[in-house]
Protein backbone atom coordinates (compact mmCIF):
# COMPACT_ATOMS: atom_id res chain seq x y z
CA UNK A 1 -0.05 0.06 -0.02
CA UNK A 2 1.43 3.34 -1.10
CA UNK A 3 1.50 6.24 1.29
CA UNK A 4 0.77 9.89 0.43
CA UNK A 5 4.47 10.47 0.61
CA UNK A 6 5.27 7.61 -1.86
CA UNK A 7 2.62 8.95 -4.17
CA UNK A 8 4.06 12.35 -4.12
CA UNK A 9 7.54 11.03 -4.79
CA UNK A 10 6.25 9.08 -7.76
CA UNK A 11 4.48 12.15 -9.21
CA UNK A 12 7.55 14.30 -8.68
CA UNK A 13 9.75 11.79 -10.49
CA UNK A 14 7.24 11.65 -13.35
CA UNK A 15 7.09 15.49 -13.62
CA UNK A 16 10.99 15.64 -13.61
CA UNK A 17 11.17 12.93 -16.40
CA UNK A 18 8.60 14.80 -18.59
CA UNK A 19 10.55 18.07 -18.14
CA UNK A 20 13.81 16.37 -19.16
CA UNK A 21 12.07 14.87 -22.15
CA UNK A 22 10.62 18.13 -23.35
CA UNK A 23 13.97 19.94 -23.04
CA UNK A 24 15.74 17.09 -24.85
CA UNK A 25 13.22 16.71 -27.77
CA UNK A 26 12.06 20.28 -28.08
CA UNK A 27 14.14 20.88 -31.09
CA UNK A 28 12.26 18.27 -33.16
CA UNK A 29 8.85 19.56 -32.08
CA UNK A 30 8.19 16.35 -30.24
CA UNK A 31 5.40 16.46 -27.56
CA UNK A 32 3.57 13.94 -25.46
CA UNK A 33 0.27 13.89 -23.77
CA UNK A 34 0.34 12.28 -20.38
CA UNK A 35 -3.08 11.38 -19.05
CA UNK A 36 -3.53 10.27 -15.47
CA UNK A 37 0.17 9.34 -15.25
CA UNK A 38 -0.12 7.06 -18.34
CA UNK A 39 0.93 7.32 -21.96
CA UNK A 40 -1.87 7.90 -24.60
CA UNK A 41 -1.62 4.77 -26.70
CA UNK A 42 -2.82 3.93 -30.17
CA UNK A 43 -5.82 1.74 -30.51
CA UNK A 44 -8.17 1.87 -33.41
CA UNK A 45 -6.62 4.32 -36.00
CA UNK A 46 -6.80 5.56 -39.52
CA UNK A 47 -3.67 6.78 -41.41
CA UNK A 48 -3.29 9.69 -43.83
CA UNK A 49 -0.40 11.56 -45.43
CA UNK A 50 -0.64 15.30 -44.38
CA UNK A 51 1.78 18.28 -44.89
CA UNK A 52 1.19 19.60 -41.26
CA UNK A 53 -0.30 19.11 -37.83
CA UNK A 54 -3.10 21.46 -38.95
CA UNK A 55 -4.21 19.09 -41.70
CA UNK A 56 -3.89 16.17 -39.38
CA UNK A 57 -6.11 17.87 -36.76
CA UNK A 58 -8.78 18.57 -39.41
CA UNK A 59 -8.85 14.86 -40.07
CA UNK A 60 -9.53 14.38 -36.49
CA UNK A 61 -12.39 16.86 -36.43
CA UNK A 62 -13.96 15.12 -39.41
CA UNK A 63 -13.81 11.73 -37.78
CA UNK A 64 -14.88 12.90 -34.34
CA UNK A 65 -11.60 11.27 -32.92
CA UNK A 66 -10.14 11.49 -29.49
CA UNK A 67 -6.67 12.37 -30.45
CA UNK A 68 -3.95 12.21 -33.17
CA UNK A 69 -0.39 11.51 -33.82
CA UNK A 70 1.50 13.45 -36.45
CA UNK A 71 5.06 12.34 -37.46
CA UNK A 72 7.09 15.50 -38.16
CA UNK A 73 9.58 13.49 -40.24
CA UNK A 74 7.48 11.21 -42.37
CA UNK A 75 4.29 13.56 -42.35
CA UNK A 76 2.26 10.57 -41.48
CA UNK A 77 -1.11 11.40 -39.63
CA UNK A 78 -2.64 8.81 -37.39
CA UNK A 79 -6.21 9.63 -36.31
CA UNK A 80 -7.16 7.81 -33.08
CA UNK A 81 -10.67 6.73 -32.82
CA UNK A 82 -10.45 5.47 -29.26
CA UNK A 83 -8.70 7.06 -26.20
CA UNK A 84 -6.69 4.20 -24.60
CA UNK A 85 -3.90 4.39 -21.95
CA UNK A 86 -1.52 1.89 -20.57
CA UNK A 87 0.41 1.77 -17.36
CA UNK A 88 3.67 2.98 -19.04
CA UNK A 89 5.19 6.42 -18.43
CA UNK A 90 8.59 5.85 -20.01
CA UNK A 91 8.99 6.93 -23.58
CA UNK A 92 10.90 4.61 -25.89
CA UNK A 93 12.61 4.94 -29.20
CA UNK A 94 9.25 4.29 -31.13
CA UNK A 95 7.90 7.56 -29.61
CA UNK A 96 10.62 9.85 -30.83
CA UNK A 97 9.64 12.55 -33.41
CA UNK A 98 5.95 12.17 -32.74
CA UNK A 99 3.48 14.69 -31.66
CA UNK A 100 0.26 14.04 -29.85
CA UNK A 101 -2.58 16.51 -30.33
CA UNK A 102 -5.74 16.27 -28.42
CA UNK A 103 -8.91 18.38 -27.85
CA UNK A 104 -7.71 20.99 -25.44
CA UNK A 105 -7.07 24.66 -25.10
CA UNK A 106 -3.24 24.97 -25.37
CA UNK A 107 -1.34 26.56 -28.28
CA UNK A 108 2.09 25.18 -29.38
CA UNK A 109 3.95 28.22 -28.02
CA UNK A 110 3.64 31.69 -26.46
CA UNK A 111 3.96 33.24 -29.86
CA UNK A 112 0.53 31.86 -30.80
CA UNK A 113 -2.72 33.32 -29.56
CA UNK A 114 -5.85 31.23 -29.18
CA UNK A 115 -9.27 32.32 -30.37
CA UNK A 116 -11.77 31.27 -27.64
CA UNK A 117 -14.75 30.93 -30.12
CA UNK A 118 -13.28 28.54 -32.65
CA UNK A 119 -10.46 26.99 -30.66
CA UNK A 120 -7.76 27.66 -33.24
CA UNK A 121 -4.35 29.18 -32.60
CA UNK A 122 -3.02 32.00 -34.70
CA UNK A 123 0.51 33.51 -35.01
CA UNK A 124 1.10 36.79 -36.89
CA UNK A 125 4.58 36.94 -38.20
CA UNK A 126 6.12 40.29 -39.17
CA UNK A 127 8.87 38.85 -41.25
CA UNK A 128 8.27 39.47 -44.96
CA UNK A 129 8.83 36.50 -47.17
CA UNK A 130 7.35 35.08 -50.33
CA UNK A 131 4.38 32.64 -50.11
CA UNK A 132 6.30 29.42 -50.51
CA UNK A 133 8.74 30.36 -47.67
CA UNK A 134 5.89 31.45 -45.44
CA UNK A 135 4.16 28.08 -45.81
CA UNK A 136 7.43 26.28 -45.09
CA UNK A 137 8.13 28.36 -41.99
CA UNK A 138 4.65 27.72 -40.58
CA UNK A 139 5.14 23.94 -41.23
CA UNK A 140 8.54 23.94 -39.45
CA UNK A 141 6.71 25.64 -36.58
CA UNK A 142 4.25 22.88 -36.31
CA UNK A 143 1.35 24.55 -38.08
CA UNK A 144 0.53 25.83 -41.62
CA UNK A 145 -0.52 29.03 -43.16
CA UNK A 146 -4.02 29.86 -42.06
CA UNK A 147 -7.07 28.66 -44.07
CA UNK A 148 -10.27 30.73 -43.58
CA UNK A 149 -12.66 27.98 -44.42
CA UNK A 150 -15.96 29.45 -42.91
CA UNK A 151 -17.57 32.69 -42.19
CA UNK A 152 -17.18 32.00 -38.56
CA UNK A 153 -13.40 31.47 -38.77
CA UNK A 154 -13.09 34.63 -41.05
CA UNK A 155 -14.91 36.74 -38.41
CA UNK A 156 -12.91 35.15 -35.47
CA UNK A 157 -9.64 35.79 -37.41
CA UNK A 158 -10.70 39.33 -38.21
CA UNK A 159 -11.09 40.02 -34.55
CA UNK A 160 -7.74 38.42 -33.74
CA UNK A 161 -6.09 40.69 -36.37
CA UNK A 162 -7.23 43.79 -34.73
CA UNK A 163 -4.26 46.12 -34.05
CA UNK A 164 -1.86 44.31 -36.44
CA UNK A 165 -0.52 46.51 -39.19
CA UNK A 166 1.72 46.15 -42.29
CA UNK A 167 -0.27 43.59 -44.27
CA UNK A 168 -1.45 42.06 -46.43
CA UNK A 169 -0.86 38.75 -44.70
CA UNK A 170 -0.34 35.52 -46.70
CA UNK A 171 -2.82 32.59 -46.10
CA UNK A 172 -3.14 29.03 -47.48
CA UNK A 173 -5.28 29.97 -50.46
CA UNK A 174 -4.37 29.81 -54.16
CA UNK A 175 -6.02 29.80 -57.48
CA UNK A 176 -5.74 26.23 -58.77
CA UNK A 177 -6.95 24.41 -61.91
CA UNK A 178 -10.03 23.75 -59.99
CA UNK A 179 -10.66 27.34 -58.94
CA UNK A 180 -9.81 29.28 -55.73
CA UNK A 181 -9.20 26.98 -52.90
CA UNK A 182 -7.67 26.57 -49.55
CA UNK A 183 -4.96 23.90 -49.96
CA UNK A 184 -6.39 21.56 -47.52
CA UNK A 185 -7.71 18.18 -48.64
CA UNK A 186 -11.47 17.80 -48.59
CA UNK A 187 -12.34 21.55 -48.32
CA UNK A 188 -14.89 23.22 -50.64
CA UNK A 189 -14.03 25.92 -53.00
CA UNK A 190 -13.63 29.49 -51.51
CA UNK A 191 -16.94 31.36 -51.44
CA UNK A 192 -16.78 33.94 -54.24
CA UNK A 193 -18.92 36.75 -52.82
CA UNK A 194 -18.22 40.33 -51.55
CA UNK A 195 -18.37 39.42 -47.95
CA UNK A 196 -15.02 37.85 -47.73
CA UNK A 197 -13.32 39.30 -50.76
CA UNK A 198 -12.20 42.84 -51.28
CA UNK A 199 -13.81 45.16 -53.98
CA UNK A 200 -13.02 43.87 -57.46
CA UNK A 201 -11.15 40.79 -56.22
CA UNK A 202 -9.85 38.47 -57.31
CA UNK A 203 -8.41 39.99 -60.46
CA UNK A 204 -5.46 39.25 -62.83
CA UNK A 205 -5.55 35.68 -61.61
CA UNK A 206 -4.95 34.28 -65.12
CA UNK A 207 -1.52 36.06 -65.05
CA UNK A 208 0.38 35.53 -61.92
CA UNK A 209 -1.57 36.79 -58.91
CA UNK A 210 -2.74 33.46 -57.53
CA UNK A 211 -1.95 33.62 -53.87
CA UNK A 212 -4.35 34.89 -51.24
CA UNK A 213 -3.56 37.28 -48.53
CA UNK A 214 -5.75 39.05 -45.92
CA UNK A 215 -5.78 42.75 -45.97
CA UNK A 216 -5.45 45.08 -42.98
CA UNK A 217 -8.40 46.94 -41.53
CA UNK A 218 -10.90 45.45 -43.92
CA UNK A 219 -9.77 41.87 -43.21
CA UNK A 220 -10.83 40.84 -46.73
CA UNK A 221 -9.38 38.44 -49.17
CA UNK A 222 -7.04 39.87 -51.82
CA UNK A 223 -5.05 38.01 -54.61
CA UNK A 224 -1.47 38.91 -55.06
CA UNK A 225 1.76 37.54 -56.61
CA UNK A 226 3.17 34.68 -54.65
CA UNK A 227 6.73 36.06 -55.22
CA UNK A 228 5.87 39.28 -53.30
CA UNK A 229 7.45 39.43 -49.78
CA UNK A 230 4.72 39.82 -47.24
CA UNK A 231 3.92 39.10 -43.66
CA UNK A 232 1.94 35.88 -42.94
CA UNK A 233 -0.34 34.12 -40.50
CA UNK A 234 0.29 30.68 -39.16
CA UNK A 235 -2.48 28.43 -37.82
CA UNK A 236 -2.39 25.55 -35.45
CA UNK A 237 -4.94 23.48 -33.63
CA UNK A 238 -4.98 23.67 -29.82
CA UNK A 239 -3.28 20.68 -28.26
CA UNK A 240 -1.26 19.61 -25.19
CA UNK A 241 2.61 19.97 -25.34
């Protein structure tokens, strides 16, 4: 029978081990979700190839799952349909380079800000780069360029952008052979109406203005050249880390 002192010692040891693990693996964006002193384990899962943790999280939302694993090296997304734990708190070599994301209210870092309404995390980056570089930097940071898929998210992002200047800000949208889309598998075409688009936009898309940015103040969509150096917005789901 364990005494209160023994239990406290066990919990303290567990917390120290977790802290050491996070410090050791932080460079590879490796995170673990510890639930009731046990590791969250894989049970019934589905597997997908995704470019980022954001795309993997969207798979989770669509399947109403309990958690996901996203491998930052292979880009493999595991959607966990059941939430299962085992009596193991030590992380072995099979866990390295894996990120567990669950339905919670934490953002990947202090540089992100969480929107309470839609539960998404946003990061406004002042560095001006081209669209491809912006996308890569967001992915390297554990997220992706933001995709404004619904009116609700557009309204939430507009409020989150209040006070930020120096845009427009790159997003994940582009003009493809199938029309204007957010580059997220399974999402519908971007709504072509005046509510989300700026006046007279999109224009010159047949030439080279195929990337979508969000304007300051009006917070409306604008199509610009992908080679322009602009600020950008990263998006990430909320998860434990």
